[in-house]
Amino acid sequence: MTDCLFCRIIAGAAPASTIYEDDDIVAINDIHPQAPLHALVMPRRHIATLNDLAPDDDALVGKMLRRAAAIAKEQGLAERGYRTVFNCNRDALQSVFHIHLHVLGGRHFGWPPG
């Protein structure tokens, strides 16, 4: 989709600090980090929201979560702890309508979030 920022990043048409990519997913550093580690893990295929996932996408979502854990481990945060967040739709503050998993770490997080 030409109007989707993440589709443009994945296609190489918009700049990003890419930290991982394979045939299915791409991970980038967030341009407005909310923690020392703030990465976004997204599928190459455009899926607007979590509500648009199909049963065939289960492996893709699992791969996104495993990559989030690997990123936290690579940053030395796996043992200390990190947070993963999917936002879905406007009330949850999803700002780019291409699913993406936030990976945050390197500081203490409060509960409840937001």
Protein backbone atom coordinates (compact mmCIF):
# COMPACT_ATOMS: atom_id res chain seq x y z
CA MET A 1 0.00 0.00 0.00
CA THR A 2 1.55 3.27 -1.06
CA ASP A 3 -0.17 5.25 1.69
CA CYS A 4 1.13 3.00 4.49
CA LEU A 5 4.31 4.26 6.14
CA PHE A 6 5.45 0.77 7.15
CA CYS A 7 4.83 -0.63 3.66
CA ARG A 8 7.03 2.18 2.30
CA ILE A 9 9.74 1.41 4.88
CA ILE A 10 9.61 -2.30 4.04
CA ALA A 11 9.87 -1.48 0.32
CA GLY A 12 12.89 0.76 0.97
CA ALA A 13 10.99 3.88 -0.14
CA ALA A 14 11.14 5.53 3.32
CA PRO A 15 14.11 5.66 5.69
CA ALA A 16 14.33 3.54 8.84
CA SER A 17 16.92 2.10 11.18
CA THR A 18 16.44 -1.58 10.38
CA ILE A 19 17.69 -4.01 13.02
CA TYR A 20 16.36 -7.27 11.53
CA GLU A 21 14.73 -8.54 8.38
CA ASP A 22 13.87 -11.82 6.75
CA ASP A 23 11.33 -13.04 4.19
CA ASP A 24 8.38 -12.53 6.56
CA ILE A 25 9.16 -9.75 9.04
CA VAL A 26 11.13 -6.54 9.51
CA ALA A 27 12.22 -4.92 12.78
CA ILE A 28 13.17 -1.27 13.08
CA ASN A 29 14.05 1.17 15.84
CA ASP A 30 11.13 3.46 16.72
CA ILE A 31 11.77 7.08 15.70
CA HIS A 32 10.11 8.29 18.93
CA PRO A 33 11.50 5.83 21.51
CA GLN A 34 9.69 5.53 24.82
CA ALA A 35 12.49 3.47 26.41
CA PRO A 36 16.20 2.83 25.79
CA LEU A 37 15.07 -0.12 23.64
CA HIS A 38 12.02 0.62 21.52
CA ALA A 39 11.83 -1.55 18.44
CA LEU A 40 8.90 -2.31 16.15
CA VAL A 41 8.46 -5.76 14.65
CA MET A 42 6.12 -5.90 11.65
CA PRO A 43 5.14 -8.33 8.93
CA ARG A 44 6.19 -7.57 5.37
CA ARG A 45 2.61 -8.24 4.28
CA HIS A 46 0.20 -5.42 4.99
CA ILE A 47 -2.28 -6.33 7.72
CA ALA A 48 -4.05 -3.22 9.02
CA THR A 49 -5.04 -4.30 12.57
CA LEU A 50 -5.05 -7.34 14.82
CA ASN A 51 -8.73 -7.68 13.90
CA ASP A 52 -7.64 -8.48 10.34
CA LEU A 53 -5.53 -11.49 11.30
CA ALA A 54 -6.67 -14.87 10.01
CA PRO A 55 -5.99 -18.34 11.46
CA ASP A 56 -3.32 -18.75 8.77
CA ASP A 57 -1.43 -15.84 10.38
CA ASP A 58 -0.80 -17.66 13.68
CA ALA A 59 2.73 -18.67 12.70
CA LEU A 60 3.51 -15.13 11.55
CA VAL A 61 2.44 -13.63 14.88
CA GLY A 62 4.44 -16.29 16.71
CA LYS A 63 7.48 -15.41 14.62
CA MET A 64 7.02 -11.73 15.49
CA LEU A 65 6.93 -12.57 19.21
CA ARG A 66 10.00 -14.81 18.97
CA ARG A 67 11.87 -12.03 17.16
CA ALA A 68 10.87 -9.59 19.93
CA ALA A 69 12.40 -11.96 22.49
CA ALA A 70 15.56 -12.28 20.37
CA ILE A 71 15.90 -8.49 20.11
CA ALA A 72 15.55 -8.14 23.89
CA LYS A 73 18.17 -10.85 24.39
CA GLU A 74 20.55 -9.23 21.87
CA GLN A 75 20.22 -5.96 23.82
CA GLY A 76 20.99 -7.73 27.13
CA LEU A 77 17.48 -7.17 28.47
CA ALA A 78 15.96 -10.65 28.42
CA GLU A 79 16.75 -11.40 32.05
CA ARG A 80 15.95 -7.90 33.40
CA GLY A 81 12.66 -7.77 31.55
CA TYR A 82 11.01 -6.08 28.63
CA ARG A 83 7.50 -5.32 27.43
CA THR A 84 5.76 -6.24 24.19
CA VAL A 85 2.68 -4.35 23.04
CA PHE A 86 0.28 -4.58 20.12
CA ASN A 87 -2.03 -1.57 19.85
CA CYS A 88 -5.29 -2.13 17.97
CA ASN A 89 -7.25 0.78 16.53
CA ARG A 90 -7.54 4.43 17.51
CA ASP A 91 -8.63 4.16 21.16
CA ALA A 92 -5.55 2.02 21.82
CA LEU A 93 -3.43 4.66 20.03
CA GLN A 94 -2.55 2.64 16.95
CA SER A 95 -1.14 5.38 14.73
CA VAL A 96 0.09 3.33 11.76
CA PHE A 97 -2.47 0.88 10.45
CA HIS A 98 -0.06 -1.93 9.65
CA ILE A 99 0.24 -4.32 12.60
CA HIS A 100 3.43 -3.92 14.56
CA LEU A 101 4.70 -5.23 17.86
CA HIS A 102 6.42 -2.72 20.14
CA VAL A 103 9.40 -4.12 22.06
CA LEU A 104 10.38 -1.88 24.96
CA GLY A 105 13.07 -2.33 27.57
CA GLY A 106 15.92 -0.81 29.48
CA ARG A 107 13.84 0.98 32.11
CA HIS A 108 11.26 0.16 34.77
CA PHE A 109 7.64 0.04 33.57
CA GLY A 110 4.64 0.76 35.74
CA TRP A 111 1.35 -1.10 35.91
CA PRO A 112 -1.28 -0.56 34.75
CA PRO A 113 0.12 0.85 31.50
CA GLY A 114 -1.19 4.04 29.92
